[in-house]
C-alpha atoms as a PDB file:
ATOM      1  CA  UNK A   1      -3.386  22.401   0.724  1.00  0.00           C
ATOM      2  CA  UNK A   2      -0.134  22.170   2.693  1.00  0.00           C
ATOM      3  CA  UNK A   3       1.780  19.988   0.235  1.00  0.00           C
ATOM      4  CA  UNK A   4       5.199  21.348  -0.598  1.00  0.00           C
ATOM      5  CA  UNK A   5       6.479  20.337  -4.023  1.00  0.00           C
ATOM      6  CA  UNK A   6      10.235  20.225  -4.513  1.00  0.00           C
ATOM      7  CA  UNK A   7      12.480  19.105  -7.339  1.00  0.00           C
ATOM      8  CA  UNK A   8      15.642  17.070  -7.002  1.00  0.00           C
ATOM      9  CA  UNK A   9      18.939  18.778  -7.704  1.00  0.00           C
ATOM     10  CA  UNK A  10      20.525  18.348 -11.105  1.00  0.00           C
ATOM     11  CA  UNK A  11      23.228  15.641 -11.245  1.00  0.00           C
ATOM     12  CA  UNK A  12      22.337  14.381  -7.780  1.00  0.00           C
ATOM     13  CA  UNK A  13      21.650  10.641  -8.037  1.00  0.00           C
ATOM     14  CA  UNK A  14      21.523  10.234  -4.256  1.00  0.00           C
ATOM     15  CA  UNK A  15      18.554  12.569  -3.900  1.00  0.00           C
ATOM     16  CA  UNK A  16      16.782  10.950  -6.815  1.00  0.00           C
ATOM     17  CA  UNK A  17      17.527   7.524  -5.319  1.00  0.00           C
ATOM     18  CA  UNK A  18      15.782   8.475  -2.080  1.00  0.00           C
ATOM     19  CA  UNK A  19      12.701   9.498  -4.030  1.00  0.00           C
ATOM     20  CA  UNK A  20      12.773   6.293  -6.104  1.00  0.00           C
ATOM     21  CA  UNK A  21      13.132   4.150  -2.986  1.00  0.00           C
ATOM     22  CA  UNK A  22      10.144   5.897  -1.438  1.00  0.00           C
ATOM     23  CA  UNK A  23       8.054   5.101  -4.519  1.00  0.00           C
ATOM     24  CA  UNK A  24       9.168   1.457  -4.425  1.00  0.00           C
ATOM     25  CA  UNK A  25       8.230   1.172  -0.736  1.00  0.00           C
ATOM     26  CA  UNK A  26       4.777   2.630  -1.398  1.00  0.00           C
ATOM     27  CA  UNK A  27       4.296   0.170  -4.243  1.00  0.00           C
ATOM     28  CA  UNK A  28       5.324  -2.823  -2.113  1.00  0.00           C
ATOM     29  CA  UNK A  29       3.444  -1.866   1.038  1.00  0.00           C
ATOM     30  CA  UNK A  30       0.136  -0.729  -0.425  1.00  0.00           C
ATOM     31  CA  UNK A  31      -0.569  -1.496  -4.055  1.00  0.00           C
ATOM     32  CA  UNK A  32       0.888  -5.008  -4.266  1.00  0.00           C
ATOM     33  CA  UNK A  33      -0.740  -6.062  -0.980  1.00  0.00           C
ATOM     34  CA  UNK A  34      -4.145  -4.820  -2.163  1.00  0.00           C
ATOM     35  CA  UNK A  35      -3.708  -6.525  -5.529  1.00  0.00           C
ATOM     36  CA  UNK A  36      -2.651  -9.801  -3.875  1.00  0.00           C
ATOM     37  CA  UNK A  37      -5.784  -9.797  -1.686  1.00  0.00           C
ATOM     38  CA  UNK A  38      -7.883  -9.219  -4.788  1.00  0.00           C
ATOM     39  CA  UNK A  39      -6.292 -12.218  -6.557  1.00  0.00           C
ATOM     40  CA  UNK A  40      -6.804 -14.421  -3.497  1.00  0.00           C
ATOM     41  CA  UNK A  41     -10.485 -13.507  -3.338  1.00  0.00           C
ATOM     42  CA  UNK A  42     -10.928 -14.187  -7.047  1.00  0.00           C
ATOM     43  CA  UNK A  43      -9.205 -17.561  -6.673  1.00  0.00           C
ATOM     44  CA  UNK A  44     -11.616 -18.591  -3.910  1.00  0.00           C
ATOM     45  CA  UNK A  45     -14.558 -17.579  -6.077  1.00  0.00           C
ATOM     46  CA  UNK A  46     -13.247 -19.734  -8.903  1.00  0.00           C
ATOM     47  CA  UNK A  47     -12.970 -22.744  -6.570  1.00  0.00           C
ATOM     48  CA  UNK A  48     -16.579 -22.289  -5.461  1.00  0.00           C
ATOM     49  CA  UNK A  49     -17.725 -21.943  -9.047  1.00  0.00           C
ATOM     50  CA  UNK A  50     -15.896 -25.070 -10.248  1.00  0.00           C
ATOM     51  CA  UNK A  51     -17.219 -27.337  -7.454  1.00  0.00           C
END
């Protein structure tokens, strides 16, 4: 397992900001896109069911 864990420096908001921005990007690029596709699919199923 070649994952290196590091901690941000104390009183260093810039370093913590980089980490927070990375997490936000991951959320926007992967999780929200997957969730949106899931909602779209469910919406189409509801249309088929109601017709």
